[in-house]
């Protein structure tokens, strides 16, 4: 969560339903996992986000299940038992350990499995409560405050579970976190004391349009804005009123209690995932694109706090690769595509790279001229030779066949065919870039060297 839903019947675990952002959520997870891949490659450490699902869950399987639910602040020490039971019940789950958090995880699973997951977590909590050493503690919290309090615990890496009983919502935590929890409760009370000095309301203006007004007497700040979703209001309160994330959530929840059912329906329709995006476009298609890309989904996105766009490419089996606009080297991208999408077919790799190139995530292939022929290395194993109106695409891994094709297509000698293949083998992105840079430098120097000063007419 950060908990938009506490079940009303019996004892249930509080969860957040990400109703409008299943695809965005999954693509955000892919980017998070790609960050972990990169960290592992560069640092060989576990300090970045870590996927703890052991590869047992594909995102395709999560998408097939429909809506996605998230449960944060789950105790890392309980994940092994949770995963064991989830496997027994054939429930696909994924767990992300965020950077800087040692004790908690965020669990992701399908909405249809919510009751089963609730039951698993409830059993784990009950078993811990029955332990004679009483390692678990419990406090009661207002139902309306569950979302903000769990967000606070998640931010401070305190593992918690929320369960609703006839006597109210219980927050359950380990005895080892008792001091942290005391501080959390005290800080939460202080936050609500601050909010008591803030008036927040929704009302119609003189033209009958709904407006949200916020008046913080403590800071001497006020705000008036058009009626919007809860997620947007939380962001605006942080940006313009200086509220913390938790304080913004609590203020937004307080406003929800003043709304009609119709207003509330729209107010709660947004998602924090959407608010984190500066740009998002999924299932990108071009006219007349290669049919070999039909099996792959392309989604382009950019986060609010980042300057670099990302591109996710996902196949039907759930394999995916994430490309960054900062890294456009063809050789590196081809390697990533082959590795993460599990592709061996060169034509498919070329089709994917061509589409990624059109989207601005791959450098254009460079050409080398050898006499009247243009040689272009497209991938690690494929190159194209153009001569006049004839174009031949060849496989570098099979030099004899490539040589024969060149001789047959262009009527060239065996010696010339060998030289062209040798040129293609030596052609790399690095060399191409150096040549391009030298050419630009030469043009610049030449322009300065031969430039004449126009003094104008002396008449």
Protein backbone atom coordinates (compact mmCIF):
# COMPACT_ATOMS: atom_id res chain seq x y z
CA UNK A 1 0.00 0.00 0.00
CA UNK A 2 0.60 2.71 0.55
CA UNK A 3 -2.75 1.43 1.73
CA UNK A 4 -5.78 2.55 -0.16
CA UNK A 5 -7.84 -0.44 0.92
CA UNK A 6 -8.41 -2.05 4.30
CA UNK A 7 -10.83 -4.96 3.96
CA UNK A 8 -14.04 -4.45 5.89
CA UNK A 9 -15.02 -8.04 6.59
CA UNK A 10 -13.18 -10.18 9.18
CA UNK A 11 -9.45 -9.93 9.54
CA UNK A 12 -7.64 -8.78 6.40
CA UNK A 13 -4.33 -7.34 5.31
CA UNK A 14 -4.33 -3.73 4.09
CA UNK A 15 -3.27 -3.46 0.45
CA UNK A 16 -3.14 -0.90 -2.31
CA UNK A 17 -4.98 -1.55 -5.56
CA UNK A 18 -3.17 0.06 -8.42
CA UNK A 19 -6.37 0.37 -10.50
CA UNK A 20 -5.28 2.59 -13.38
CA UNK A 21 -1.58 1.88 -13.76
CA UNK A 22 -0.94 -1.84 -14.23
CA UNK A 23 1.16 -1.35 -17.35
CA UNK A 24 3.03 1.64 -15.91
CA UNK A 25 3.73 -0.21 -12.67
CA UNK A 26 5.17 -3.18 -14.55
CA UNK A 27 7.35 -0.99 -16.72
CA UNK A 28 8.57 0.88 -13.63
CA UNK A 29 9.51 -2.47 -12.12
CA UNK A 30 11.40 -3.37 -15.28
CA UNK A 31 13.41 -0.16 -15.02
CA UNK A 32 14.08 -0.91 -11.34
CA UNK A 33 15.31 -4.40 -12.20
CA UNK A 34 17.46 -3.02 -15.02
CA UNK A 35 19.05 -0.67 -12.49
CA UNK A 36 19.86 -3.73 -10.41
CA UNK A 37 21.33 -5.50 -13.45
CA UNK A 38 23.55 -2.51 -14.18
CA UNK A 39 24.64 -2.24 -10.55
CA UNK A 40 25.56 -5.91 -10.52
CA UNK A 41 27.58 -5.54 -13.69
CA UNK A 42 29.47 -2.45 -12.52
CA UNK A 43 29.85 -2.94 -8.78
CA UNK A 44 29.24 -6.63 -8.12
CA UNK A 45 27.29 -5.61 -5.03
CA UNK A 46 23.83 -5.88 -3.56
CA UNK A 47 23.40 -2.25 -2.60
CA UNK A 48 20.87 -1.44 -5.29
CA UNK A 49 17.33 -2.76 -5.79
CA UNK A 50 17.23 -6.54 -5.65
CA UNK A 51 14.63 -8.88 -7.10
CA UNK A 52 13.96 -11.60 -4.55
CA UNK A 53 11.43 -13.67 -6.50
CA UNK A 54 14.14 -15.96 -7.84
CA UNK A 55 12.88 -15.57 -11.39
CA UNK A 56 9.81 -17.65 -10.67
CA UNK A 57 7.43 -14.88 -11.69
CA UNK A 58 7.31 -13.21 -15.08
CA UNK A 59 5.65 -9.88 -15.61
CA UNK A 60 3.62 -11.42 -18.40
CA UNK A 61 2.07 -13.74 -15.85
CA UNK A 62 1.27 -10.81 -13.57
CA UNK A 63 -0.35 -8.96 -16.47
CA UNK A 64 -2.42 -12.00 -17.36
CA UNK A 65 -3.83 -11.88 -13.83
CA UNK A 66 -5.27 -8.38 -14.36
CA UNK A 67 -4.91 -5.64 -11.77
CA UNK A 68 -1.79 -5.51 -9.63
CA UNK A 69 -1.74 -5.01 -5.87
CA UNK A 70 1.23 -3.93 -3.78
CA UNK A 71 1.91 -4.59 -0.11
CA UNK A 72 4.90 -2.58 1.22
CA UNK A 73 6.77 -2.74 4.53
CA UNK A 74 6.70 -6.54 4.51
CA UNK A 75 9.32 -8.06 6.82
CA UNK A 76 12.25 -9.38 4.80
CA UNK A 77 12.79 -12.15 7.35
CA UNK A 78 9.28 -13.50 6.61
CA UNK A 79 9.66 -13.52 2.83
CA UNK A 80 11.07 -17.05 2.62
CA UNK A 81 8.03 -18.50 4.41
CA UNK A 82 5.67 -16.32 2.38
CA UNK A 83 7.21 -17.43 -0.94
CA UNK A 84 7.09 -21.09 0.10
CA UNK A 85 3.34 -20.88 0.77
CA UNK A 86 2.69 -18.80 -2.34
CA UNK A 87 4.38 -21.47 -4.47
CA UNK A 88 2.24 -24.17 -2.87
CA UNK A 89 -0.88 -22.17 -3.83
CA UNK A 90 0.45 -21.36 -7.32
CA UNK A 91 0.38 -17.61 -6.68
CA UNK A 92 2.74 -15.48 -8.78
CA UNK A 93 4.52 -12.89 -6.65
CA UNK A 94 7.44 -10.50 -7.00
CA UNK A 95 9.37 -8.73 -4.25
CA UNK A 96 11.50 -5.61 -4.53
CA UNK A 97 13.95 -4.51 -1.86
CA UNK A 98 14.44 -0.78 -2.30
CA UNK A 99 17.84 0.87 -2.09
CA UNK A 100 18.77 1.79 1.47
CA UNK A 101 16.23 -0.54 3.10
CA UNK A 102 17.60 -3.58 4.92
CA UNK A 103 14.50 -4.83 6.74
CA UNK A 104 11.51 -4.43 4.42
CA UNK A 105 10.28 -5.45 0.99
CA UNK A 106 7.43 -4.42 -1.29
CA UNK A 107 5.35 -7.40 -2.45
CA UNK A 108 3.54 -7.37 -5.80
CA UNK A 109 0.81 -9.83 -6.82
CA UNK A 110 -2.42 -10.03 -8.79
CA UNK A 111 -5.64 -8.53 -7.45
CA UNK A 112 -7.43 -11.86 -7.93
CA UNK A 113 -4.98 -13.44 -5.45
CA UNK A 114 -5.49 -10.78 -2.78
CA UNK A 115 -7.59 -12.96 -0.47
CA UNK A 116 -5.13 -15.84 -0.72
CA UNK A 117 -2.18 -13.53 -0.04
CA UNK A 118 -4.09 -12.00 2.87
CA UNK A 119 -4.59 -15.48 4.30
CA UNK A 120 -0.89 -16.31 3.97
CA UNK A 121 0.21 -13.10 5.69
CA UNK A 122 -2.45 -13.51 8.37
CA UNK A 123 -1.25 -17.05 9.15
CA UNK A 124 2.38 -15.93 9.34
CA UNK A 125 1.46 -13.10 11.71
CA UNK A 126 -0.73 -15.34 13.90
CA UNK A 127 2.04 -17.92 14.22
CA UNK A 128 4.47 -15.21 15.30
CA UNK A 129 1.96 -13.87 17.83
CA UNK A 130 1.66 -17.35 19.36
CA UNK A 131 5.38 -17.63 20.01
CA UNK A 132 6.07 -17.87 23.78
CA UNK A 133 8.82 -15.27 23.68
CA UNK A 134 6.28 -12.72 22.38
CA UNK A 135 8.47 -11.27 19.68
CA UNK A 136 5.55 -9.34 18.15
CA UNK A 137 3.96 -6.13 19.41
CA UNK A 138 0.64 -4.51 18.51
CA UNK A 139 -0.90 -1.03 18.56
CA UNK A 140 -4.33 0.22 17.46
CA UNK A 141 -4.63 2.86 14.75
CA UNK A 142 -7.48 4.72 13.10
CA UNK A 143 -8.55 3.13 9.82
CA UNK A 144 -8.25 6.46 7.98
CA UNK A 145 -4.62 6.78 9.13
CA UNK A 146 -3.44 3.39 7.90
CA UNK A 147 -2.20 4.66 4.53
CA UNK A 148 -0.10 7.50 5.93
CA UNK A 149 1.26 5.50 8.85
CA UNK A 150 2.29 2.58 6.67
CA UNK A 151 3.95 5.01 4.29
CA UNK A 152 5.89 6.45 7.25
CA UNK A 153 6.95 2.94 8.34
CA UNK A 154 7.97 2.05 4.79
CA UNK A 155 10.10 5.19 4.49
CA UNK A 156 11.79 4.39 7.81
CA UNK A 157 12.30 0.68 7.01
CA UNK A 158 10.02 -0.61 9.81
CA UNK A 159 8.33 -3.93 8.89
CA UNK A 160 4.61 -3.81 9.74
CA UNK A 161 1.36 -5.63 9.04
CA UNK A 162 -2.12 -4.15 9.40
CA UNK A 163 -5.09 -6.27 10.39
CA UNK A 164 -8.67 -5.15 10.91
CA UNK A 165 -10.59 -6.55 13.89
CA UNK A 166 -13.87 -5.70 15.58
CA UNK A 167 -11.89 -3.41 17.89
CA UNK A 168 -10.22 -1.43 15.10
CA UNK A 169 -7.16 -1.75 12.90
CA UNK A 170 -4.12 -3.33 14.54
CA UNK A 171 -0.58 -2.47 13.49
CA UNK A 172 1.68 -5.45 14.21
CA UNK A 173 5.47 -5.15 14.35
CA UNK A 174 8.48 -6.97 15.78
CA UNK A 175 9.64 -6.31 19.32
CA UNK A 176 13.05 -5.40 17.92
CA UNK A 177 11.46 -2.28 16.40
CA UNK A 178 9.68 -1.13 19.54
CA UNK A 179 11.75 2.03 19.99
CA UNK A 180 11.45 2.95 16.31
CA UNK A 181 7.69 2.43 16.56
CA UNK A 182 7.45 4.67 19.63
CA UNK A 183 9.21 7.39 17.67
CA UNK A 184 6.95 6.77 14.68
CA UNK A 185 3.80 7.15 16.79
CA UNK A 186 5.13 10.33 18.39
CA UNK A 187 6.08 11.85 15.04
CA UNK A 188 2.73 10.87 13.57
CA UNK A 189 0.91 12.62 16.43
CA UNK A 190 3.04 15.70 15.86
CA UNK A 191 2.18 15.63 12.16
CA UNK A 192 -1.55 15.53 12.93
CA UNK A 193 -1.12 18.37 15.38
CA UNK A 194 0.37 20.42 12.54
CA UNK A 195 -2.48 19.43 10.23
CA UNK A 196 -5.02 20.64 12.78
CA UNK A 197 -3.76 24.13 11.92
CA UNK A 198 -4.44 23.55 8.23
CA UNK A 199 -7.87 24.08 6.67
CA UNK A 200 -8.48 22.01 3.52
CA UNK A 201 -11.77 21.97 1.68
CA UNK A 202 -13.48 21.45 -1.69
CA UNK A 203 -16.10 23.95 -2.85
CA UNK A 204 -17.52 25.56 -5.97
CA UNK A 205 -16.36 28.96 -7.17
CA UNK A 206 -18.61 31.72 -8.56
CA UNK A 207 -18.76 29.90 -11.92
CA UNK A 208 -19.79 26.63 -10.31
CA UNK A 209 -16.42 24.91 -10.85
CA UNK A 210 -15.00 22.72 -8.09
CA UNK A 211 -11.90 24.10 -6.39
CA UNK A 212 -9.63 22.69 -3.68
CA UNK A 213 -8.48 25.24 -1.09
CA UNK A 214 -5.71 24.78 1.46
CA UNK A 215 -4.87 27.30 4.19
CA UNK A 216 -1.90 26.53 6.45
CA UNK A 217 -1.91 29.07 9.29
CA UNK A 218 1.32 27.73 10.79
CA UNK A 219 3.36 28.46 7.65
CA UNK A 220 1.21 31.34 6.49
CA UNK A 221 0.72 29.65 3.11
CA UNK A 222 -2.43 29.08 1.11
CA UNK A 223 -3.35 27.26 -2.06
CA UNK A 224 -6.29 27.24 -4.48
CA UNK A 225 -6.41 24.81 -7.37
CA UNK A 226 -8.82 23.06 -9.71
CA UNK A 227 -10.41 19.85 -8.47
CA UNK A 228 -8.07 16.96 -9.27
CA UNK A 229 -7.14 13.40 -8.31
CA UNK A 230 -5.81 12.55 -4.88
CA UNK A 231 -2.41 11.61 -6.34
CA UNK A 232 -2.03 15.01 -8.01
CA UNK A 233 -3.09 16.86 -4.85
CA UNK A 234 -0.45 14.98 -2.85
CA UNK A 235 2.23 16.04 -5.34
CA UNK A 236 1.11 19.69 -5.38
CA UNK A 237 1.03 19.85 -1.57
CA UNK A 238 4.64 18.67 -1.49
CA UNK A 239 5.81 21.03 -4.24
CA UNK A 240 3.93 24.21 -3.34
CA UNK A 241 3.17 23.89 0.37
CA UNK A 242 6.37 22.13 1.42
CA UNK A 243 4.51 19.16 2.95
CA UNK A 244 6.35 15.89 3.53
CA UNK A 245 5.11 12.88 1.59
CA UNK A 246 3.29 11.46 4.62
CA UNK A 247 1.79 14.82 5.59
CA UNK A 248 0.51 15.29 2.04
CA UNK A 249 -1.15 11.86 2.12
CA UNK A 250 -2.84 12.57 5.46
CA UNK A 251 -4.08 15.97 4.26
CA UNK A 252 -5.42 14.41 1.06
CA UNK A 253 -7.19 11.70 3.07
CA UNK A 254 -8.75 14.35 5.33
CA UNK A 255 -10.19 16.06 2.26
CA UNK A 256 -11.65 12.78 0.99
CA UNK A 257 -13.92 12.62 4.05
CA UNK A 258 -15.60 15.86 2.91
CA UNK A 259 -16.50 14.69 -0.60
CA UNK A 260 -19.66 13.29 -2.15
CA UNK A 261 -19.59 9.78 -3.62
CA UNK A 262 -19.46 11.21 -7.14
CA UNK A 263 -16.55 13.51 -6.30
CA UNK A 264 -14.76 10.69 -4.49
CA UNK A 265 -14.98 8.41 -7.51
CA UNK A 266 -12.91 10.80 -9.61
CA UNK A 267 -10.68 11.88 -6.72
CA UNK A 268 -9.48 8.32 -6.11
CA UNK A 269 -9.18 7.38 -9.80
CA UNK A 270 -5.55 8.54 -10.17
CA UNK A 271 -2.41 6.67 -9.18
CA UNK A 272 0.98 7.63 -7.76
CA UNK A 273 2.64 5.70 -10.57
CA UNK A 274 1.12 8.12 -13.11
CA UNK A 275 2.23 11.10 -11.04
CA UNK A 276 5.82 9.86 -11.06
CA UNK A 277 5.85 9.97 -14.87
CA UNK A 278 6.77 13.05 -16.87
CA UNK A 279 5.99 11.04 -20.03
CA UNK A 280 4.62 7.57 -20.75
CA UNK A 281 3.60 5.86 -23.98
CA UNK A 282 2.94 2.12 -24.27
CA UNK A 283 2.45 -0.31 -27.18
CA UNK A 284 4.22 2.01 -29.65
CA UNK A 285 3.55 1.15 -33.30
CA UNK A 286 4.79 2.58 -36.61
CA UNK A 287 3.25 2.24 -40.05
CA UNK A 288 4.86 -0.44 -42.21
CA UNK A 289 7.17 -1.62 -39.42
CA UNK A 290 8.82 -5.03 -39.62
CA UNK A 291 6.40 -7.87 -38.77
CA UNK A 292 9.16 -9.48 -36.69
CA UNK A 293 8.54 -6.83 -34.02
CA UNK A 294 4.85 -7.81 -33.64
CA UNK A 295 5.73 -10.21 -30.82
CA UNK A 296 7.33 -7.41 -28.80
CA UNK A 297 5.79 -4.54 -26.83
CA UNK A 298 7.63 -1.19 -26.83
CA UNK A 299 6.95 1.36 -24.05
CA UNK A 300 8.69 4.74 -23.72
CA UNK A 301 8.80 6.65 -20.44
CA UNK A 302 10.54 9.36 -18.48
CA UNK A 303 10.38 9.87 -14.71
CA UNK A 304 9.72 13.30 -13.20
CA UNK A 305 13.06 13.37 -11.38
CA UNK A 306 15.16 12.11 -14.31
CA UNK A 307 16.34 13.74 -17.54
CA UNK A 308 16.90 10.51 -19.46
CA UNK A 309 14.06 8.69 -21.28
CA UNK A 310 13.83 4.90 -21.01
CA UNK A 311 12.51 2.30 -23.45
CA UNK A 312 11.25 -1.12 -22.35
CA UNK A 313 10.94 -3.95 -24.88
CA UNK A 314 8.99 -7.00 -23.70
CA UNK A 315 8.25 -10.28 -25.47
CA UNK A 316 5.24 -12.59 -25.16
CA UNK A 317 7.01 -14.74 -22.56
CA UNK A 318 7.70 -11.81 -20.22
CA UNK A 319 11.40 -11.40 -21.05
CA UNK A 320 12.34 -7.74 -21.26
CA UNK A 321 15.20 -5.34 -21.86
CA UNK A 322 15.46 -1.67 -20.82
CA UNK A 323 17.30 0.82 -23.03
CA UNK A 324 18.43 4.29 -22.00
CA UNK A 325 18.72 7.29 -24.30
CA UNK A 326 22.15 7.90 -22.74
CA UNK A 327 23.52 4.58 -24.01
CA UNK A 328 23.00 4.27 -27.77
CA UNK A 329 26.02 2.15 -28.77
CA UNK A 330 24.81 -0.47 -31.28
CA UNK A 331 27.14 -3.22 -30.10
CA UNK A 332 26.17 -2.85 -26.44
CA UNK A 333 22.46 -2.66 -27.24
CA UNK A 334 22.59 -5.70 -29.48
CA UNK A 335 24.32 -7.63 -26.70
CA UNK A 336 21.61 -6.61 -24.19
CA UNK A 337 18.79 -7.52 -26.59
CA UNK A 338 20.22 -10.96 -27.30
CA UNK A 339 20.94 -11.62 -23.61
CA UNK A 340 17.71 -10.42 -22.00
CA UNK A 341 15.20 -11.21 -24.76
CA UNK A 342 16.85 -14.60 -25.40
CA UNK A 343 17.03 -14.01 -29.18
CA UNK A 344 19.43 -15.77 -31.55
CA UNK A 345 17.83 -14.89 -34.89
CA UNK A 346 19.80 -12.03 -36.49
CA UNK A 347 16.84 -10.76 -38.55
CA UNK A 348 14.71 -10.36 -35.42
CA UNK A 349 17.51 -8.55 -33.62
CA UNK A 350 17.90 -6.20 -36.58
CA UNK A 351 14.14 -5.49 -36.66
CA UNK A 352 14.10 -4.63 -32.95
CA UNK A 353 17.17 -2.41 -33.23
CA UNK A 354 15.70 -0.61 -36.24
CA UNK A 355 12.54 0.22 -34.31
CA UNK A 356 14.56 1.29 -31.25
CA UNK A 357 16.65 3.46 -33.60
CA UNK A 358 13.48 5.18 -34.88
CA UNK A 359 12.53 5.85 -31.25
CA UNK A 360 15.91 7.48 -30.58
CA UNK A 361 17.54 4.78 -28.45
CA UNK A 362 20.10 3.31 -30.89
CA UNK A 363 22.74 5.06 -33.00
CA UNK A 364 22.36 4.80 -36.76
CA UNK A 365 24.66 2.22 -38.39
CA UNK A 366 27.77 3.79 -39.90
CA UNK A 367 29.01 3.19 -43.44
CA UNK A 368 32.53 2.57 -44.77
CA UNK A 369 33.33 3.09 -48.48
CA UNK A 370 35.68 0.76 -50.30
CA UNK A 371 36.12 1.97 -53.86
CA UNK A 372 32.61 1.90 -55.41
CA UNK A 373 31.09 -0.18 -52.56
CA UNK A 374 29.46 0.96 -49.32
CA UNK A 375 29.90 -1.41 -46.38
CA UNK A 376 27.61 -1.09 -43.38
CA UNK A 377 27.93 -3.28 -40.31
CA UNK A 378 24.47 -3.51 -38.74
CA UNK A 379 24.99 -6.06 -35.96
CA UNK A 380 27.83 -8.14 -34.58
CA UNK A 381 27.22 -10.83 -37.19
CA UNK A 382 25.48 -9.04 -40.09
CA UNK A 383 26.63 -6.45 -42.65
CA UNK A 384 25.28 -4.92 -45.85
CA UNK A 385 27.17 -4.17 -49.06
CA UNK A 386 25.78 -1.67 -51.59
CA UNK A 387 27.10 -1.22 -55.08
CA UNK A 388 25.08 0.76 -57.58
CA UNK A 389 21.47 -0.48 -57.40
CA UNK A 390 22.47 -3.84 -55.88
CA UNK A 391 22.24 -4.43 -52.13
CA UNK A 392 23.40 -7.66 -50.47
CA UNK A 393 22.99 -8.53 -46.79
CA UNK A 394 25.59 -11.00 -45.48
CA UNK A 395 26.44 -13.04 -42.42
CA UNK A 396 29.91 -12.48 -40.96
CA UNK A 397 29.79 -15.74 -39.04
CA UNK A 398 29.82 -17.63 -42.38
CA UNK A 399 32.64 -16.03 -44.36
CA UNK A 400 32.70 -18.58 -47.19
CA UNK A 401 29.03 -18.11 -47.98
CA UNK A 402 29.40 -14.32 -47.69
CA UNK A 403 32.35 -14.41 -50.09
CA UNK A 404 30.42 -16.47 -52.63
CA UNK A 405 27.43 -14.10 -52.44
CA UNK A 406 29.65 -11.08 -53.07
CA UNK A 407 31.28 -12.72 -56.08
CA UNK A 408 27.91 -13.81 -57.51
CA UNK A 409 26.09 -10.52 -56.85
CA UNK A 410 28.76 -8.07 -57.99
CA UNK A 411 30.92 -10.23 -60.27
CA UNK A 412 33.97 -9.32 -58.22
CA UNK A 413 37.13 -11.34 -57.75
CA UNK A 414 37.83 -13.56 -54.76
CA UNK A 415 40.55 -11.14 -53.60
CA UNK A 416 38.21 -8.14 -53.63
CA UNK A 417 35.50 -10.12 -51.77
CA UNK A 418 38.04 -11.00 -49.07
CA UNK A 419 38.98 -7.32 -48.72
CA UNK A 420 35.35 -6.25 -48.32
CA UNK A 421 34.74 -8.90 -45.65
CA UNK A 422 37.91 -7.77 -43.89
CA UNK A 423 36.67 -4.14 -43.99
CA UNK A 424 33.34 -5.24 -42.49
CA UNK A 425 35.06 -7.19 -39.70
CA UNK A 426 37.21 -4.21 -38.73
CA UNK A 427 34.28 -1.83 -38.80
CA UNK A 428 33.25 -0.98 -35.23
CA UNK A 429 31.14 1.74 -33.69
CA UNK A 430 34.19 3.15 -31.90
CA UNK A 431 36.16 3.48 -35.13
CA UNK A 432 33.19 4.96 -36.91
CA UNK A 433 32.74 7.59 -34.23
CA UNK A 434 36.45 8.48 -34.36
CA UNK A 435 36.30 8.85 -38.13
CA UNK A 436 33.19 10.97 -37.85
CA UNK A 437 34.85 13.20 -35.24
CA UNK A 438 37.98 13.59 -37.38
CA UNK A 439 35.86 14.48 -40.40
CA UNK A 440 34.03 17.15 -38.42
CA UNK A 441 37.34 18.54 -37.10
CA UNK A 442 38.76 18.68 -40.63
CA UNK A 443 35.69 20.50 -41.93
CA UNK A 444 35.89 23.01 -39.09
CA UNK A 445 39.61 23.64 -39.59
CA UNK A 446 39.10 24.01 -43.34
CA UNK A 447 36.29 26.49 -42.86
CA UNK A 448 38.47 28.68 -40.65
CA UNK A 449 41.53 28.35 -42.82
CA UNK A 450 39.83 29.45 -46.06
CA UNK A 451 37.46 32.01 -44.66
CA UNK A 452 37.87 35.45 -46.22
CA UNK A 453 37.16 38.74 -44.51
CA UNK A 454 34.63 40.78 -46.43
CA UNK A 455 35.67 44.39 -45.96
CA UNK A 456 32.86 45.76 -48.07
CA UNK A 457 33.14 48.22 -50.93
CA UNK A 458 35.85 50.91 -50.78
CA UNK A 459 34.15 53.10 -53.26
